[in-house]
Amino acid sequence: MIFASLGTMDMAFERMARAVDEWASTTQESVVVQTGYTDYPYRHAQAFKFCTKEEMQRYIDEADIVILQGGWGAISEAMEKQKKIVVMPRYNKTEHIHDQFQLVRKLDSLGCVIGVFDEKALAAAIERARHFRFQKLENGNAEVIIRDALDHWFNSQTYLNC
């Protein structure tokens, strides 16, 4: 089973929804998508809006590959479970309130996830994930990654005189 989560951000992420559904049309595998606030007419994947934390954990546990948006919460949980993780970051200001690309690029460069920076590359990323040897973060690395991503985000904001 392939599990995809668009997260719980109250901004739509149709770019990922469309890419996952289109990919689902090419496989015999079961594809389950947690859509959150993204209303998309899935034709090839089973979709639901929200679930409990326990249900989310069960989906991640049962998945062969997890496809996630670029939020740290689900990524870190999937990493702890040593899952094969494909991540598509949301665009700043149109799909999220901040830039998810830096965090995903960093995790991708460390071999912890496979980043998908163009939705047309999702199919290739999923195939790569099937045979990819994912790296586990060493103690302390997660804090450095989060701090770097937050520093980048705060430094890029124009309203820092709070």
C-alpha atoms as a PDB file:
ATOM      1  CA  MET A   1       0.000   0.000   0.000  1.00  0.00           C
ATOM      2  CA  ILE A   2       1.109   3.536  -0.774  1.00  0.00           C
ATOM      3  CA  PHE A   3      -0.017   6.193   1.703  1.00  0.00           C
ATOM      4  CA  ALA A   4       0.001   9.888   0.838  1.00  0.00           C
ATOM      5  CA  SER A   5      -0.755  12.771   3.187  1.00  0.00           C
ATOM      6  CA  LEU A   6      -1.379  16.320   2.038  1.00  0.00           C
ATOM      7  CA  GLY A   7      -1.289  17.444   5.673  1.00  0.00           C
ATOM      8  CA  THR A   8      -3.671  19.542   7.712  1.00  0.00           C
ATOM      9  CA  MET A   9      -2.730  23.029   6.476  1.00  0.00           C
ATOM     10  CA  ASP A  10      -5.903  24.944   5.637  1.00  0.00           C
ATOM     11  CA  MET A  11      -4.570  25.838   2.181  1.00  0.00           C
ATOM     12  CA  ALA A  12      -5.237  23.559  -0.802  1.00  0.00           C
ATOM     13  CA  PHE A  13      -2.461  21.407  -2.268  1.00  0.00           C
ATOM     14  CA  GLU A  14      -4.026  20.390  -5.579  1.00  0.00           C
ATOM     15  CA  ARG A  15      -0.646  20.052  -7.286  1.00  0.00           C
ATOM     16  CA  MET A  16       0.215  17.059  -5.091  1.00  0.00           C
ATOM     17  CA  ALA A  17      -3.343  15.694  -5.138  1.00  0.00           C
ATOM     18  CA  ARG A  18      -3.387  15.610  -8.931  1.00  0.00           C
ATOM     19  CA  ALA A  19       0.103  14.082  -9.162  1.00  0.00           C
ATOM     20  CA  VAL A  20      -0.739  11.293  -6.691  1.00  0.00           C
ATOM     21  CA  ASP A  21      -4.055  10.479  -8.377  1.00  0.00           C
ATOM     22  CA  GLU A  22      -2.466  10.433 -11.828  1.00  0.00           C
ATOM     23  CA  TRP A  23       0.281   8.119 -10.563  1.00  0.00           C
ATOM     24  CA  ALA A  24      -2.329   5.894  -8.879  1.00  0.00           C
ATOM     25  CA  SER A  25      -3.865   5.285 -12.315  1.00  0.00           C
ATOM     26  CA  THR A  26      -0.636   3.564 -13.384  1.00  0.00           C
ATOM     27  CA  THR A  27      -0.364   0.999 -10.579  1.00  0.00           C
ATOM     28  CA  GLN A  28      -2.227  -1.987  -9.223  1.00  0.00           C
ATOM     29  CA  GLU A  29      -1.164  -1.038  -5.689  1.00  0.00           C
ATOM     30  CA  SER A  30      -3.653   0.360  -3.232  1.00  0.00           C
ATOM     31  CA  VAL A  31      -3.168   4.131  -2.881  1.00  0.00           C
ATOM     32  CA  VAL A  32      -4.717   5.876   0.124  1.00  0.00           C
ATOM     33  CA  VAL A  33      -4.641   9.676   0.473  1.00  0.00           C
ATOM     34  CA  GLN A  34      -5.312  11.889   3.478  1.00  0.00           C
ATOM     35  CA  THR A  35      -6.472  15.084   1.744  1.00  0.00           C
ATOM     36  CA  GLY A  36      -7.031  17.568   4.547  1.00  0.00           C
ATOM     37  CA  TYR A  37      -8.488  20.776   3.127  1.00  0.00           C
ATOM     38  CA  THR A  38      -7.708  19.921  -0.483  1.00  0.00           C
ATOM     39  CA  ASP A  39     -10.890  19.170  -2.416  1.00  0.00           C
ATOM     40  CA  TYR A  40      -9.871  17.113  -5.407  1.00  0.00           C
ATOM     41  CA  PRO A  41     -12.032  14.562  -7.293  1.00  0.00           C
ATOM     42  CA  TYR A  42      -9.896  11.428  -6.879  1.00  0.00           C
ATOM     43  CA  ARG A  43     -10.594   8.775  -9.506  1.00  0.00           C
ATOM     44  CA  HIS A  44      -7.776   6.296  -8.867  1.00  0.00           C
ATOM     45  CA  ALA A  45      -6.954   6.582  -5.157  1.00  0.00           C
ATOM     46  CA  GLN A  46      -8.998   6.087  -2.006  1.00  0.00           C
ATOM     47  CA  ALA A  47      -9.236   9.446  -0.237  1.00  0.00           C
ATOM     48  CA  PHE A  48     -10.382  10.830   3.109  1.00  0.00           C
ATOM     49  CA  LYS A  49     -10.072  14.277   4.667  1.00  0.00           C
ATOM     50  CA  PHE A  50      -8.876  13.777   8.252  1.00  0.00           C
ATOM     51  CA  CYS A  51      -8.227  10.988  10.735  1.00  0.00           C
ATOM     52  CA  THR A  52      -7.016  10.550  14.293  1.00  0.00           C
ATOM     53  CA  LYS A  53      -3.329  10.481  15.144  1.00  0.00           C
ATOM     54  CA  GLU A  54      -3.644   6.748  15.819  1.00  0.00           C
ATOM     55  CA  GLU A  55      -5.199   6.123  12.408  1.00  0.00           C
ATOM     56  CA  MET A  56      -2.455   8.183  10.764  1.00  0.00           C
ATOM     57  CA  GLN A  57       0.162   6.061  12.535  1.00  0.00           C
ATOM     58  CA  ARG A  58      -1.549   2.904  11.298  1.00  0.00           C
ATOM     59  CA  TYR A  59      -1.524   4.127   7.700  1.00  0.00           C
ATOM     60  CA  ILE A  60       2.171   5.009   7.953  1.00  0.00           C
ATOM     61  CA  ASP A  61       2.938   1.642   9.573  1.00  0.00           C
ATOM     62  CA  GLU A  62       1.136  -0.297   6.834  1.00  0.00           C
ATOM     63  CA  ALA A  63       2.545   1.671   3.898  1.00  0.00           C
ATOM     64  CA  ASP A  64       5.391   0.397   1.753  1.00  0.00           C
ATOM     65  CA  ILE A  65       6.084   3.980   0.643  1.00  0.00           C
ATOM     66  CA  VAL A  66       4.846   7.189   2.264  1.00  0.00           C
ATOM     67  CA  ILE A  67       4.315  10.291   0.123  1.00  0.00           C
ATOM     68  CA  LEU A  68       4.152  13.458   2.218  1.00  0.00           C
ATOM     69  CA  GLN A  69       3.924  17.213   1.937  1.00  0.00           C
ATOM     70  CA  GLY A  70       6.889  19.094   3.401  1.00  0.00           C
ATOM     71  CA  GLY A  71       5.747  19.505   7.010  1.00  0.00           C
ATOM     72  CA  TRP A  72       8.153  18.307   9.681  1.00  0.00           C
ATOM     73  CA  GLY A  73       5.574  16.447  11.816  1.00  0.00           C
ATOM     74  CA  ALA A  74       4.657  13.618   9.455  1.00  0.00           C
ATOM     75  CA  ILE A  75       8.164  13.483   7.983  1.00  0.00           C
ATOM     76  CA  SER A  76       9.771  12.992  11.392  1.00  0.00           C
ATOM     77  CA  GLU A  77       7.239  10.334  12.376  1.00  0.00           C
ATOM     78  CA  ALA A  78       7.799   8.414   9.140  1.00  0.00           C
ATOM     79  CA  MET A  79      11.577   8.751   9.572  1.00  0.00           C
ATOM     80  CA  GLU A  80      11.347   7.317  13.089  1.00  0.00           C
ATOM     81  CA  LYS A  81       9.556   4.314  11.594  1.00  0.00           C
ATOM     82  CA  GLN A  82      12.326   4.060   8.958  1.00  0.00           C
ATOM     83  CA  LYS A  83       9.836   4.293   6.122  1.00  0.00           C
ATOM     84  CA  LYS A  84      10.605   4.937   2.474  1.00  0.00           C
ATOM     85  CA  ILE A  85       9.599   8.591   2.204  1.00  0.00           C
ATOM     86  CA  VAL A  86       8.883  10.718  -0.853  1.00  0.00           C
ATOM     87  CA  VAL A  87       8.216  14.402  -0.071  1.00  0.00           C
ATOM     88  CA  MET A  88       6.694  17.139  -2.200  1.00  0.00           C
ATOM     89  CA  PRO A  89       7.120  20.544  -0.545  1.00  0.00           C
ATOM     90  CA  ARG A  90       4.385  23.155  -0.726  1.00  0.00           C
ATOM     91  CA  TYR A  91       5.065  26.512  -2.366  1.00  0.00           C
ATOM     92  CA  ASN A  92       5.381  29.509  -0.083  1.00  0.00           C
ATOM     93  CA  LYS A  93       2.371  31.874   0.008  1.00  0.00           C
ATOM     94  CA  THR A  94       0.162  29.866  -2.385  1.00  0.00           C
ATOM     95  CA  GLU A  95       0.133  26.391  -0.799  1.00  0.00           C
ATOM     96  CA  HIS A  96       1.522  27.180   2.667  1.00  0.00           C
ATOM     97  CA  ILE A  97       2.479  30.070   4.916  1.00  0.00           C
ATOM     98  CA  HIS A  98       6.202  29.387   4.652  1.00  0.00           C
ATOM     99  CA  ASP A  99       8.808  27.796   2.420  1.00  0.00           C
ATOM    100  CA  GLN A 100       9.014  23.998   2.813  1.00  0.00           C
ATOM    101  CA  PHE A 101      11.645  23.616   0.106  1.00  0.00           C
ATOM    102  CA  GLN A 102      14.722  24.233   2.279  1.00  0.00           C
ATOM    103  CA  LEU A 103      13.823  21.526   4.806  1.00  0.00           C
ATOM    104  CA  VAL A 104      13.042  19.005   2.059  1.00  0.00           C
ATOM    105  CA  ARG A 105      16.226  19.846   0.128  1.00  0.00           C
ATOM    106  CA  LYS A 106      18.280  19.345   3.298  1.00  0.00           C
ATOM    107  CA  LEU A 107      16.638  16.001   4.144  1.00  0.00           C
ATOM    108  CA  ASP A 108      17.009  14.902   0.522  1.00  0.00           C
ATOM    109  CA  SER A 109      20.717  15.808   0.504  1.00  0.00           C
ATOM    110  CA  LEU A 110      21.191  13.751   3.683  1.00  0.00           C
ATOM    111  CA  GLY A 111      19.470  10.739   2.077  1.00  0.00           C
ATOM    112  CA  CYS A 112      16.596  10.740   4.586  1.00  0.00           C
ATOM    113  CA  VAL A 113      13.849  11.363   2.017  1.00  0.00           C
ATOM    114  CA  ILE A 114      13.472  11.660  -1.719  1.00  0.00           C
ATOM    115  CA  GLY A 115      12.405  15.217  -2.521  1.00  0.00           C
ATOM    116  CA  VAL A 116      10.043  15.897  -5.398  1.00  0.00           C
ATOM    117  CA  PHE A 117      10.513  19.515  -6.465  1.00  0.00           C
ATOM    118  CA  ASP A 118       8.484  19.174  -9.666  1.00  0.00           C
ATOM    119  CA  GLU A 119       5.258  17.168  -9.526  1.00  0.00           C
ATOM    120  CA  LYS A 120       6.054  15.641 -12.928  1.00  0.00           C
ATOM    121  CA  ALA A 121       8.901  13.781 -11.194  1.00  0.00           C
ATOM    122  CA  LEU A 122       6.641  11.971  -8.696  1.00  0.00           C
ATOM    123  CA  ALA A 123       6.504   8.659 -10.588  1.00  0.00           C
ATOM    124  CA  ALA A 124      10.295   8.504 -10.921  1.00  0.00           C
ATOM    125  CA  ALA A 125      10.705   9.369  -7.227  1.00  0.00           C
ATOM    126  CA  ILE A 126       8.351   6.562  -6.171  1.00  0.00           C
ATOM    127  CA  GLU A 127      10.250   4.058  -8.319  1.00  0.00           C
ATOM    128  CA  ARG A 128      13.544   5.314  -6.895  1.00  0.00           C
ATOM    129  CA  ALA A 129      12.166   4.963  -3.341  1.00  0.00           C
ATOM    130  CA  ARG A 130      11.475   1.266  -3.891  1.00  0.00           C
ATOM    131  CA  HIS A 131      15.227   0.545  -4.004  1.00  0.00           C
ATOM    132  CA  PHE A 132      16.687   3.550  -2.202  1.00  0.00           C
ATOM    133  CA  ARG A 133      18.695   3.022   0.972  1.00  0.00           C
ATOM    134  CA  PHE A 134      17.370   5.728   3.271  1.00  0.00           C
ATOM    135  CA  GLN A 135      19.647   7.220   5.902  1.00  0.00           C
ATOM    136  CA  LYS A 136      18.612   7.587   9.514  1.00  0.00           C
ATOM    137  CA  LEU A 137      19.360  10.911  11.196  1.00  0.00           C
ATOM    138  CA  GLU A 138      21.933  10.709  13.948  1.00  0.00           C
ATOM    139  CA  ASN A 139      21.046  12.147  17.353  1.00  0.00           C
ATOM    140  CA  GLY A 140      21.037  15.915  17.229  1.00  0.00           C
ATOM    141  CA  ASN A 141      20.830  16.240  13.444  1.00  0.00           C
ATOM    142  CA  ALA A 142      17.063  16.788  13.488  1.00  0.00           C
ATOM    143  CA  GLU A 143      17.433  19.842  15.706  1.00  0.00           C
ATOM    144  CA  VAL A 144      20.100  21.309  13.396  1.00  0.00           C
ATOM    145  CA  ILE A 145      17.909  20.773  10.324  1.00  0.00           C
ATOM    146  CA  ILE A 146      14.888  22.380  11.966  1.00  0.00           C
ATOM    147  CA  ARG A 147      16.945  25.318  13.270  1.00  0.00           C
ATOM    148  CA  ASP A 148      18.478  25.920   9.813  1.00  0.00           C
ATOM    149  CA  ALA A 149      15.058  25.790   8.144  1.00  0.00           C
ATOM    150  CA  LEU A 150      13.506  28.148  10.707  1.00  0.00           C
ATOM    151  CA  ASP A 151      16.455  30.554  10.482  1.00  0.00           C
ATOM    152  CA  HIS A 152      16.065  30.636   6.702  1.00  0.00           C
ATOM    153  CA  TRP A 153      12.327  31.249   6.975  1.00  0.00           C
ATOM    154  CA  PHE A 154      12.597  33.990   9.603  1.00  0.00           C
ATOM    155  CA  ASN A 155      15.437  35.709   7.735  1.00  0.00           C
ATOM    156  CA  SER A 156      13.375  35.748   4.523  1.00  0.00           C
ATOM    157  CA  GLN A 157      10.378  37.470   6.156  1.00  0.00           C
ATOM    158  CA  THR A 158       9.898  41.210   5.762  1.00  0.00           C
ATOM    159  CA  TYR A 159       7.956  41.711   8.990  1.00  0.00           C
ATOM    160  CA  LEU A 160      10.603  40.838  11.560  1.00  0.00           C
ATOM    161  CA  ASN A 161      10.050  44.003  13.626  1.00  0.00           C
ATOM    162  CA  CYS A 162       7.535  42.225  15.886  1.00  0.00           C
END
